[in-house]
Amino acid sequence: CLRKADNIAGIFSDHLYFGILKEEFYKKNHMNLVIE
């Protein structure tokens, strides 16, 4: 979290950072991608 990092219409608020690893994604989501 970067505190008061975002200025939206003159009001400062925090910016949150997220990450996901391959194994975490597949543990939670079962996907069958099709590419055309």
PDB file of all heavy atoms in Angstrom:
ATOM      1  N   CYS A   1       0.857  -1.183   0.000  1.00  0.00           N
ATOM      2  CA  CYS A   1       0.000   0.000   0.000  1.00  0.00           C
ATOM      3  C   CYS A   1       0.894   1.235   0.000  1.00  0.00           C
ATOM      4  O   CYS A   1       1.765   1.363   0.868  1.00  0.00           O
ATOM      5  CB  CYS A   1      -0.905  -0.005   1.227  1.00  0.00           C
ATOM      6  SG  CYS A   1      -1.826   1.527   1.462  1.00  0.00           S
ATOM      7  N   LEU A   2       0.688   2.090  -0.979  1.00  0.00           N
ATOM      8  CA  LEU A   2       1.341   3.399  -0.966  1.00  0.00           C
ATOM      9  C   LEU A   2       0.317   4.404  -0.457  1.00  0.00           C
ATOM     10  O   LEU A   2      -0.700   4.654  -1.108  1.00  0.00           O
ATOM     11  CB  LEU A   2       1.822   3.789  -2.365  1.00  0.00           C
ATOM     12  CG  LEU A   2       2.974   2.968  -2.934  1.00  0.00           C
ATOM     13  CD1 LEU A   2       3.362   3.481  -4.314  1.00  0.00           C
ATOM     14  CD2 LEU A   2       4.178   2.987  -2.009  1.00  0.00           C
ATOM     15  N   ARG A   3       0.590   4.947   0.709  1.00  0.00           N
ATOM     16  CA  ARG A   3      -0.359   5.837   1.357  1.00  0.00           C
ATOM     17  C   ARG A   3      -0.449   7.183   0.641  1.00  0.00           C
ATOM     18  O   ARG A   3       0.565   7.771   0.283  1.00  0.00           O
ATOM     19  CB  ARG A   3       0.025   6.031   2.824  1.00  0.00           C
ATOM     20  CG  ARG A   3      -0.052   4.716   3.618  1.00  0.00           C
ATOM     21  CD  ARG A   3       0.539   4.830   4.995  1.00  0.00           C
ATOM     22  NE  ARG A   3       1.961   5.147   4.897  1.00  0.00           N
ATOM     23  CZ  ARG A   3       2.621   5.892   5.785  1.00  0.00           C
ATOM     24  NH1 ARG A   3       2.004   6.405   6.824  1.00  0.00           N
ATOM     25  NH2 ARG A   3       3.900   6.118   5.629  1.00  0.00           N
ATOM     26  N   LYS A   4      -1.685   7.624   0.432  1.00  0.00           N
ATOM     27  CA  LYS A   4      -1.980   8.912  -0.215  1.00  0.00           C
ATOM     28  C   LYS A   4      -1.178   9.106  -1.503  1.00  0.00           C
ATOM     29  O   LYS A   4      -0.652  10.176  -1.773  1.00  0.00           O
ATOM     30  CB  LYS A   4      -1.746  10.063   0.756  1.00  0.00           C
ATOM     31  CG  LYS A   4      -2.739  10.083   1.913  1.00  0.00           C
ATOM     32  CD  LYS A   4      -2.641  11.358   2.699  1.00  0.00           C
ATOM     33  CE  LYS A   4      -3.703  11.365   3.793  1.00  0.00           C
ATOM     34  NZ  LYS A   4      -3.683  12.632   4.554  1.00  0.00           N
ATOM     35  N   ALA A   5      -1.109   8.063  -2.297  1.00  0.00           N
ATOM     36  CA  ALA A   5      -0.343   8.109  -3.546  1.00  0.00           C
ATOM     37  C   ALA A   5      -1.171   8.563  -4.739  1.00  0.00           C
ATOM     38  O   ALA A   5      -0.619   8.980  -5.757  1.00  0.00           O
ATOM     39  CB  ALA A   5       0.254   6.735  -3.835  1.00  0.00           C
ATOM     40  N   ASP A   6      -2.495   8.459  -4.647  1.00  0.00           N
ATOM     41  CA  ASP A   6      -3.374   8.815  -5.760  1.00  0.00           C
ATOM     42  C   ASP A   6      -4.100  10.122  -5.482  1.00  0.00           C
ATOM     43  O   ASP A   6      -4.676  10.304  -4.401  1.00  0.00           O
ATOM     44  CB  ASP A   6      -4.414   7.711  -6.000  1.00  0.00           C
ATOM     45  CG  ASP A   6      -3.801   6.418  -6.498  1.00  0.00           C
ATOM     46  OD1 ASP A   6      -2.675   6.457  -7.034  1.00  0.00           O
ATOM     47  OD2 ASP A   6      -4.449   5.365  -6.358  1.00  0.00           O
ATOM     48  N   ASN A   7      -4.094  10.996  -6.459  1.00  0.00           N
ATOM     49  CA  ASN A   7      -4.833  12.252  -6.387  1.00  0.00           C
ATOM     50  C   ASN A   7      -5.975  12.163  -7.376  1.00  0.00           C
ATOM     51  O   ASN A   7      -5.772  12.258  -8.584  1.00  0.00           O
ATOM     52  CB  ASN A   7      -3.903  13.421  -6.731  1.00  0.00           C
ATOM     53  CG  ASN A   7      -4.610  14.762  -6.688  1.00  0.00           C
ATOM     54  OD1 ASN A   7      -5.822  14.840  -6.538  1.00  0.00           O
ATOM     55  ND2 ASN A   7      -3.838  15.829  -6.839  1.00  0.00           N
ATOM     56  N   ILE A   8      -7.173  11.944  -6.862  1.00  0.00           N
ATOM     57  CA  ILE A   8      -8.359  11.853  -7.709  1.00  0.00           C
ATOM     58  C   ILE A   8      -9.250  13.044  -7.387  1.00  0.00           C
ATOM     59  O   ILE A   8      -9.786  13.153  -6.294  1.00  0.00           O
ATOM     60  CB  ILE A   8      -9.115  10.529  -7.489  1.00  0.00           C
ATOM     61  CG1 ILE A   8      -8.197   9.346  -7.836  1.00  0.00           C
ATOM     62  CG2 ILE A   8     -10.386  10.486  -8.325  1.00  0.00           C
ATOM     63  CD1 ILE A   8      -8.808   7.989  -7.606  1.00  0.00           C
ATOM     64  N   ALA A   9      -9.346  13.942  -8.353  1.00  0.00           N
ATOM     65  CA  ALA A   9     -10.164  15.154  -8.210  1.00  0.00           C
ATOM     66  C   ALA A   9      -9.785  15.949  -6.960  1.00  0.00           C
ATOM     67  O   ALA A   9     -10.647  16.464  -6.254  1.00  0.00           O
ATOM     68  CB  ALA A   9     -11.645  14.799  -8.211  1.00  0.00           C
ATOM     69  N   GLY A  10      -8.484  16.019  -6.695  1.00  0.00           N
ATOM     70  CA  GLY A  10      -8.005  16.816  -5.573  1.00  0.00           C
ATOM     71  C   GLY A  10      -8.056  16.140  -4.220  1.00  0.00           C
ATOM     72  O   GLY A  10      -7.677  16.735  -3.214  1.00  0.00           O
ATOM     73  N   ILE A  11      -8.476  14.899  -4.185  1.00  0.00           N
ATOM     74  CA  ILE A  11      -8.536  14.149  -2.928  1.00  0.00           C
ATOM     75  C   ILE A  11      -7.499  13.029  -2.991  1.00  0.00           C
ATOM     76  O   ILE A  11      -7.495  12.222  -3.925  1.00  0.00           O
ATOM     77  CB  ILE A  11      -9.947  13.568  -2.687  1.00  0.00           C
ATOM     78  CG1 ILE A  11     -10.964  14.703  -2.587  1.00  0.00           C
ATOM     79  CG2 ILE A  11      -9.961  12.697  -1.431  1.00  0.00           C
ATOM     80  CD1 ILE A  11     -12.407  14.249  -2.566  1.00  0.00           C
ATOM     81  N   PHE A  12      -6.625  12.979  -1.980  1.00  0.00           N
ATOM     82  CA  PHE A  12      -5.581  11.958  -1.949  1.00  0.00           C
ATOM     83  C   PHE A  12      -6.079  10.696  -1.257  1.00  0.00           C
ATOM     84  O   PHE A  12      -6.782  10.763  -0.250  1.00  0.00           O
ATOM     85  CB  PHE A  12      -4.335  12.489  -1.232  1.00  0.00           C
ATOM     86  CG  PHE A  12      -3.565  13.460  -2.073  1.00  0.00           C
ATOM     87  CD1 PHE A  12      -3.859  14.812  -2.057  1.00  0.00           C
ATOM     88  CD2 PHE A  12      -2.553  13.012  -2.912  1.00  0.00           C
ATOM     89  CE1 PHE A  12      -3.161  15.707  -2.850  1.00  0.00           C
ATOM     90  CE2 PHE A  12      -1.848  13.892  -3.704  1.00  0.00           C
ATOM     91  CZ  PHE A  12      -2.151  15.246  -3.678  1.00  0.00           C
ATOM     92  N   SER A  13      -5.705   9.559  -1.831  1.00  0.00           N
ATOM     93  CA  SER A  13      -6.079   8.265  -1.259  1.00  0.00           C
ATOM     94  C   SER A  13      -4.976   7.257  -1.552  1.00  0.00           C
ATOM     95  O   SER A  13      -4.057   7.526  -2.327  1.00  0.00           O
ATOM     96  CB  SER A  13      -7.427   7.794  -1.824  1.00  0.00           C
ATOM     97  OG  SER A  13      -7.416   7.832  -3.240  1.00  0.00           O
ATOM     98  N   ASP A  14      -5.076   6.107  -0.925  1.00  0.00           N
ATOM     99  CA  ASP A  14      -4.029   5.088  -1.024  1.00  0.00           C
ATOM    100  C   ASP A  14      -4.095   4.332  -2.350  1.00  0.00           C
ATOM    101  O   ASP A  14      -5.156   4.211  -2.969  1.00  0.00           O
ATOM    102  CB  ASP A  14      -4.163   4.071   0.116  1.00  0.00           C
ATOM    103  CG  ASP A  14      -3.994   4.704   1.489  1.00  0.00           C
ATOM    104  OD1 ASP A  14      -3.492   5.839   1.569  1.00  0.00           O
ATOM    105  OD2 ASP A  14      -4.378   4.045   2.475  1.00  0.00           O
ATOM    106  N   HIS A  15      -2.955   3.806  -2.749  1.00  0.00           N
ATOM    107  CA  HIS A  15      -2.890   2.916  -3.909  1.00  0.00           C
ATOM    108  C   HIS A  15      -2.428   1.548  -3.414  1.00  0.00           C
ATOM    109  O   HIS A  15      -1.402   1.441  -2.743  1.00  0.00           O
ATOM    110  CB  HIS A  15      -1.927   3.438  -4.978  1.00  0.00           C
ATOM    111  CG  HIS A  15      -2.134   2.785  -6.302  1.00  0.00           C
ATOM    112  ND1 HIS A  15      -3.026   3.271  -7.228  1.00  0.00           N
ATOM    113  CD2 HIS A  15      -1.602   1.666  -6.840  1.00  0.00           C
ATOM    114  CE1 HIS A  15      -3.017   2.482  -8.292  1.00  0.00           C
ATOM    115  NE2 HIS A  15      -2.165   1.495  -8.074  1.00  0.00           N
ATOM    116  N   LEU A  16      -3.206   0.524  -3.739  1.00  0.00           N
ATOM    117  CA  LEU A  16      -2.930  -0.844  -3.281  1.00  0.00           C
ATOM    118  C   LEU A  16      -2.268  -1.645  -4.395  1.00  0.00           C
ATOM    119  O   LEU A  16      -2.609  -1.490  -5.574  1.00  0.00           O
ATOM    120  CB  LEU A  16      -4.230  -1.533  -2.859  1.00  0.00           C
ATOM    121  CG  LEU A  16      -5.087  -0.790  -1.835  1.00  0.00           C
ATOM    122  CD1 LEU A  16      -6.347  -1.584  -1.539  1.00  0.00           C
ATOM    123  CD2 LEU A  16      -4.297  -0.506  -0.566  1.00  0.00           C
ATOM    124  N   TYR A  17      -1.350  -2.524  -4.006  1.00  0.00           N
ATOM    125  CA  TYR A  17      -0.666  -3.389  -4.965  1.00  0.00           C
ATOM    126  C   TYR A  17      -0.978  -4.845  -4.669  1.00  0.00           C
ATOM    127  O   TYR A  17      -1.015  -5.259  -3.510  1.00  0.00           O
ATOM    128  CB  TYR A  17       0.843  -3.137  -4.937  1.00  0.00           C
ATOM    129  CG  TYR A  17       1.180  -1.810  -5.570  1.00  0.00           C
ATOM    130  CD1 TYR A  17       1.277  -0.660  -4.796  1.00  0.00           C
ATOM    131  CD2 TYR A  17       1.336  -1.711  -6.943  1.00  0.00           C
ATOM    132  CE1 TYR A  17       1.543   0.566  -5.387  1.00  0.00           C
ATOM    133  CE2 TYR A  17       1.601  -0.493  -7.538  1.00  0.00           C
ATOM    134  CZ  TYR A  17       1.705   0.648  -6.757  1.00  0.00           C
ATOM    135  OH  TYR A  17       1.959   1.852  -7.346  1.00  0.00           O
ATOM    136  N   PHE A  18      -1.218  -5.597  -5.748  1.00  0.00           N
ATOM    137  CA  PHE A  18      -1.598  -7.003  -5.659  1.00  0.00           C
ATOM    138  C   PHE A  18      -0.684  -7.837  -6.546  1.00  0.00           C
ATOM    139  O   PHE A  18      -0.112  -7.339  -7.515  1.00  0.00           O
ATOM    140  CB  PHE A  18      -3.044  -7.192  -6.127  1.00  0.00           C
ATOM    141  CG  PHE A  18      -4.067  -6.533  -5.254  1.00  0.00           C
ATOM    142  CD1 PHE A  18      -4.354  -5.185  -5.391  1.00  0.00           C
ATOM    143  CD2 PHE A  18      -4.732  -7.256  -4.277  1.00  0.00           C
ATOM    144  CE1 PHE A  18      -5.293  -4.565  -4.578  1.00  0.00           C
ATOM    145  CE2 PHE A  18      -5.670  -6.654  -3.459  1.00  0.00           C
ATOM    146  CZ  PHE A  18      -5.950  -5.300  -3.606  1.00  0.00           C
ATOM    147  N   GLY A  19      -0.577  -9.110  -6.235  1.00  0.00           N
ATOM    148  CA  GLY A  19       0.179 -10.035  -7.074  1.00  0.00           C
ATOM    149  C   GLY A  19      -0.462 -11.408  -7.027  1.00  0.00           C
ATOM    150  O   GLY A  19      -1.131 -11.772  -6.060  1.00  0.00           O
ATOM    151  N   ILE A  20      -0.250 -12.151  -8.101  1.00  0.00           N
ATOM    152  CA  ILE A  20      -0.735 -13.524  -8.154  1.00  0.00           C
ATOM    153  C   ILE A  20       0.303 -14.381  -8.861  1.00  0.00           C
ATOM    154  O   ILE A  20       0.900 -13.969  -9.856  1.00  0.00           O
ATOM    155  CB  ILE A  20      -2.121 -13.632  -8.853  1.00  0.00           C
ATOM    156  CG1 ILE A  20      -2.698 -15.039  -8.706  1.00  0.00           C
ATOM    157  CG2 ILE A  20      -2.052 -13.191 -10.303  1.00  0.00           C
ATOM    158  CD1 ILE A  20      -4.164 -15.152  -9.107  1.00  0.00           C
ATOM    159  N   LEU A  21       0.562 -15.563  -8.312  1.00  0.00           N
ATOM    160  CA  LEU A  21       1.494 -16.523  -8.898  1.00  0.00           C
ATOM    161  C   LEU A  21       0.721 -17.555  -9.711  1.00  0.00           C
ATOM    162  O   LEU A  21      -0.467 -17.804  -9.467  1.00  0.00           O
ATOM    163  CB  LEU A  21       2.294 -17.215  -7.802  1.00  0.00           C
ATOM    164  CG  LEU A  21       3.049 -16.305  -6.833  1.00  0.00           C
ATOM    165  CD1 LEU A  21       3.760 -17.134  -5.773  1.00  0.00           C
ATOM    166  CD2 LEU A  21       4.020 -15.401  -7.569  1.00  0.00           C
ATOM    167  N   LYS A  22       1.401 -18.169 -10.653  1.00  0.00           N
ATOM    168  CA  LYS A  22       0.752 -19.153 -11.523  1.00  0.00           C
ATOM    169  C   LYS A  22       0.031 -20.224 -10.715  1.00  0.00           C
ATOM    170  O   LYS A  22      -1.140 -20.535 -10.971  1.00  0.00           O
ATOM    171  CB  LYS A  22       1.794 -19.807 -12.436  1.00  0.00           C
ATOM    172  CG  LYS A  22       1.214 -20.860 -13.365  1.00  0.00           C
ATOM    173  CD  LYS A  22       2.290 -21.691 -14.040  1.00  0.00           C
ATOM    174  CE  LYS A  22       2.926 -20.946 -15.151  1.00  0.00           C
ATOM    175  NZ  LYS A  22       3.835 -21.783 -15.969  1.00  0.00           N
ATOM    176  N   GLU A  23       0.708 -20.783  -9.701  1.00  0.00           N
ATOM    177  CA  GLU A  23       0.083 -21.878  -8.947  1.00  0.00           C
ATOM    178  C   GLU A  23      -1.125 -21.403  -8.156  1.00  0.00           C
ATOM    179  O   GLU A  23      -2.086 -22.148  -7.959  1.00  0.00           O
ATOM    180  CB  GLU A  23       1.107 -22.567  -8.039  1.00  0.00           C
ATOM    181  CG  GLU A  23       1.772 -21.677  -7.016  1.00  0.00           C
ATOM    182  CD  GLU A  23       3.085 -21.072  -7.478  1.00  0.00           C
ATOM    183  OE1 GLU A  23       3.326 -20.956  -8.704  1.00  0.00           O
ATOM    184  OE2 GLU A  23       3.882 -20.701  -6.597  1.00  0.00           O
ATOM    185  N   GLU A  24      -1.107 -20.161  -7.709  1.00  0.00           N
ATOM    186  CA  GLU A  24      -2.257 -19.603  -6.975  1.00  0.00           C
ATOM    187  C   GLU A  24      -3.449 -19.440  -7.908  1.00  0.00           C
ATOM    188  O   GLU A  24      -4.588 -19.724  -7.525  1.00  0.00           O
ATOM    189  CB  GLU A  24      -1.880 -18.258  -6.358  1.00  0.00           C
ATOM    190  CG  GLU A  24      -0.828 -18.363  -5.283  1.00  0.00           C
ATOM    191  CD  GLU A  24      -0.257 -17.030  -4.862  1.00  0.00           C
ATOM    192  OE1 GLU A  24      -0.341 -16.042  -5.622  1.00  0.00           O
ATOM    193  OE2 GLU A  24       0.296 -16.971  -3.740  1.00  0.00           O
ATOM    194  N   PHE A  25      -3.174 -18.981  -9.123  1.00  0.00           N
ATOM    195  CA  PHE A  25      -4.259 -18.811 -10.098  1.00  0.00           C
ATOM    196  C   PHE A  25      -4.919 -20.143 -10.416  1.00  0.00           C
ATOM    197  O   PHE A  25      -6.136 -20.273 -10.404  1.00  0.00           O
ATOM    198  CB  PHE A  25      -3.719 -18.161 -11.372  1.00  0.00           C
ATOM    199  CG  PHE A  25      -4.747 -18.057 -12.463  1.00  0.00           C
ATOM    200  CD1 PHE A  25      -5.797 -17.157 -12.366  1.00  0.00           C
ATOM    201  CD2 PHE A  25      -4.670 -18.862 -13.592  1.00  0.00           C
ATOM    202  CE1 PHE A  25      -6.752 -17.061 -13.379  1.00  0.00           C
ATOM    203  CE2 PHE A  25      -5.616 -18.775 -14.599  1.00  0.00           C
ATOM    204  CZ  PHE A  25      -6.656 -17.868 -14.494  1.00  0.00           C
ATOM    205  N   TYR A  26      -4.105 -21.161 -10.705  1.00  0.00           N
ATOM    206  CA  TYR A  26      -4.677 -22.450 -11.091  1.00  0.00           C
ATOM    207  C   TYR A  26      -5.295 -23.207  -9.926  1.00  0.00           C
ATOM    208  O   TYR A  26      -6.189 -24.026 -10.129  1.00  0.00           O
ATOM    209  CB  TYR A  26      -3.641 -23.307 -11.826  1.00  0.00           C
ATOM    210  CG  TYR A  26      -3.474 -22.825 -13.245  1.00  0.00           C
ATOM    211  CD1 TYR A  26      -2.302 -22.230 -13.667  1.00  0.00           C
ATOM    212  CD2 TYR A  26      -4.525 -22.909 -14.152  1.00  0.00           C
ATOM    213  CE1 TYR A  26      -2.164 -21.761 -14.965  1.00  0.00           C
ATOM    214  CE2 TYR A  26      -4.399 -22.441 -15.441  1.00  0.00           C
ATOM    215  CZ  TYR A  26      -3.225 -21.863 -15.843  1.00  0.00           C
ATOM    216  OH  TYR A  26      -3.104 -21.387 -17.116  1.00  0.00           O
ATOM    217  N   LYS A  27      -4.868 -22.909  -8.726  1.00  0.00           N
ATOM    218  CA  LYS A  27      -5.501 -23.524  -7.563  1.00  0.00           C
ATOM    219  C   LYS A  27      -6.941 -23.041  -7.407  1.00  0.00           C
ATOM    220  O   LYS A  27      -7.826 -23.781  -6.988  1.00  0.00           O
ATOM    221  CB  LYS A  27      -4.695 -23.198  -6.296  1.00  0.00           C
ATOM    222  CG  LYS A  27      -5.210 -23.874  -5.055  1.00  0.00           C
ATOM    223  CD  LYS A  27      -4.304 -23.585  -3.869  1.00  0.00           C
ATOM    224  CE  LYS A  27      -4.804 -24.294  -2.625  1.00  0.00           C
ATOM    225  NZ  LYS A  27      -3.959 -24.011  -1.455  1.00  0.00           N
ATOM    226  N   LYS A  28      -7.189 -21.785  -7.795  1.00  0.00           N
ATOM    227  CA  LYS A  28      -8.502 -21.178  -7.592  1.00  0.00           C
ATOM    228  C   LYS A  28      -9.369 -21.182  -8.852  1.00  0.00           C
ATOM    229  O   LYS A  28     -10.585 -21.089  -8.768  1.00  0.00           O
ATOM    230  CB  LYS A  28      -8.312 -19.748  -7.103  1.00  0.00           C
ATOM    231  CG  LYS A  28      -9.560 -19.120  -6.585  1.00  0.00           C
ATOM    232  CD  LYS A  28      -9.271 -18.124  -5.495  1.00  0.00           C
ATOM    233  CE  LYS A  28     -10.587 -17.712  -4.900  1.00  0.00           C
ATOM    234  NZ  LYS A  28     -10.445 -16.881  -3.754  1.00  0.00           N
ATOM    235  N   ASN A  29      -8.765 -21.283 -10.016  1.00  0.00           N
ATOM    236  CA  ASN A  29      -9.492 -21.139 -11.280  1.00  0.00           C
ATOM    237  C   ASN A  29      -9.139 -22.286 -12.219  1.00  0.00           C
ATOM    238  O   ASN A  29      -7.965 -22.511 -12.494  1.00  0.00           O
ATOM    239  CB  ASN A  29      -9.108 -19.818 -11.958  1.00  0.00           C
ATOM    240  CG  ASN A  29      -9.323 -18.633 -11.064  1.00  0.00           C
ATOM    241  OD1 ASN A  29     -10.416 -18.123 -10.932  1.00  0.00           O
ATOM    242  ND2 ASN A  29      -8.249 -18.148 -10.419  1.00  0.00           N
ATOM    243  N   HIS A  30     -10.136 -22.979 -12.714  1.00  0.00           N
ATOM    244  CA  HIS A  30      -9.936 -24.072 -13.670  1.00  0.00           C
ATOM    245  C   HIS A  30     -10.317 -23.548 -15.045  1.00  0.00           C
ATOM    246  O   HIS A  30     -11.477 -23.232 -15.297  1.00  0.00           O
ATOM    247  CB  HIS A  30     -10.766 -25.288 -13.269  1.00  0.00           C
ATOM    248  CG  HIS A  30     -10.478 -25.737 -11.884  1.00  0.00           C
ATOM    249  ND1 HIS A  30      -9.333 -26.419 -11.551  1.00  0.00           N
ATOM    250  CD2 HIS A  30     -11.164 -25.578 -10.725  1.00  0.00           C
ATOM    251  CE1 HIS A  30      -9.331 -26.666 -10.257  1.00  0.00           C
ATOM    252  NE2 HIS A  30     -10.433 -26.170  -9.727  1.00  0.00           N
ATOM    253  N   MET A  31      -9.310 -23.434 -15.927  1.00  0.00           N
ATOM    254  CA  MET A  31      -9.516 -22.768 -17.214  1.00  0.00           C
ATOM    255  C   MET A  31      -9.194 -23.683 -18.375  1.00  0.00           C
ATOM    256  O   MET A  31      -8.347 -24.562 -18.285  1.00  0.00           O
ATOM    257  CB  MET A  31      -8.609 -21.532 -17.285  1.00  0.00           C
ATOM    258  CG  MET A  31      -8.783 -20.554 -16.139  1.00  0.00           C
ATOM    259  SD  MET A  31     -10.425 -19.828 -16.060  1.00  0.00           S
ATOM    260  CE  MET A  31     -10.449 -18.920 -17.573  1.00  0.00           C
ATOM    261  N   ASN A  32      -9.891 -23.428 -19.480  1.00  0.00           N
ATOM    262  CA  ASN A  32      -9.611 -24.130 -20.740  1.00  0.00           C
ATOM    263  C   ASN A  32      -9.617 -23.078 -21.844  1.00  0.00           C
ATOM    264  O   ASN A  32     -10.616 -22.830 -22.502  1.00  0.00           O
ATOM    265  CB  ASN A  32     -10.649 -25.213 -20.994  1.00  0.00           C
ATOM    266  CG  ASN A  32     -10.247 -26.116 -22.139  1.00  0.00           C
ATOM    267  OD1 ASN A  32      -9.123 -26.071 -22.614  1.00  0.00           O
ATOM    268  ND2 ASN A  32     -11.178 -26.912 -22.597  1.00  0.00           N
ATOM    269  N   LEU A  33      -8.461 -22.427 -22.030  1.00  0.00           N
ATOM    270  CA  LEU A  33      -8.331 -21.321 -22.965  1.00  0.00           C
ATOM    271  C   LEU A  33      -8.353 -21.799 -24.401  1.00  0.00           C
ATOM    272  O   LEU A  33      -7.735 -22.812 -24.741  1.00  0.00           O
ATOM    273  CB  LEU A  33      -7.019 -20.573 -22.682  1.00  0.00           C
ATOM    274  CG  LEU A  33      -6.789 -19.295 -23.464  1.00  0.00           C
ATOM    275  CD1 LEU A  33      -7.745 -18.199 -22.995  1.00  0.00           C
ATOM    276  CD2 LEU A  33      -5.349 -18.830 -23.282  1.00  0.00           C
ATOM    277  N   VAL A  34      -9.052 -21.045 -25.261  1.00  0.00           N
ATOM    278  CA  VAL A  34      -9.087 -21.312 -26.696  1.00  0.00           C
ATOM    279  C   VAL A  34      -8.528 -20.076 -27.397  1.00  0.00           C
ATOM    280  O   VAL A  34      -8.973 -18.957 -27.138  1.00  0.00           O
ATOM    281  CB  VAL A  34     -10.529 -21.596 -27.178  1.00  0.00           C
ATOM    282  CG1 VAL A  34     -10.558 -21.777 -28.678  1.00  0.00           C
ATOM    283  CG2 VAL A  34     -11.105 -22.809 -26.467  1.00  0.00           C
ATOM    284  N   ILE A  35      -7.553 -20.279 -28.274  1.00  0.00           N
ATOM    285  CA  ILE A  35      -6.936 -19.176 -29.025  1.00  0.00           C
ATOM    286  C   ILE A  35      -7.239 -19.374 -30.489  1.00  0.00           C
ATOM    287  O   ILE A  35      -6.987 -20.437 -31.063  1.00  0.00           O
ATOM    288  CB  ILE A  35      -5.417 -19.115 -28.785  1.00  0.00           C
ATOM    289  CG1 ILE A  35      -5.137 -18.909 -27.301  1.00  0.00           C
ATOM    290  CG2 ILE A  35      -4.788 -18.024 -29.630  1.00  0.00           C
ATOM    291  CD1 ILE A  35      -3.668 -18.883 -26.958  1.00  0.00           C
ATOM    292  N   GLU A  36      -7.795 -18.329 -31.103  1.00  0.00           N
ATOM    293  CA  GLU A  36      -8.096 -18.357 -32.542  1.00  0.00           C
ATOM    294  C   GLU A  36      -7.357 -17.209 -33.203  1.00  0.00           C
ATOM    295  O   GLU A  36      -7.302 -16.105 -32.682  1.00  0.00           O
ATOM    296  CB  GLU A  36      -9.606 -18.187 -32.772  1.00  0.00           C
ATOM    297  CG  GLU A  36     -10.435 -19.260 -32.115  1.00  0.00           C
ATOM    298  CD  GLU A  36     -11.911 -18.952 -32.133  1.00  0.00           C
ATOM    299  OE1 GLU A  36     -12.303 -17.862 -32.576  1.00  0.00           O
ATOM    300  OE2 GLU A  36     -12.678 -19.812 -31.675  1.00  0.00           O
TER     301      GLU A  36
END
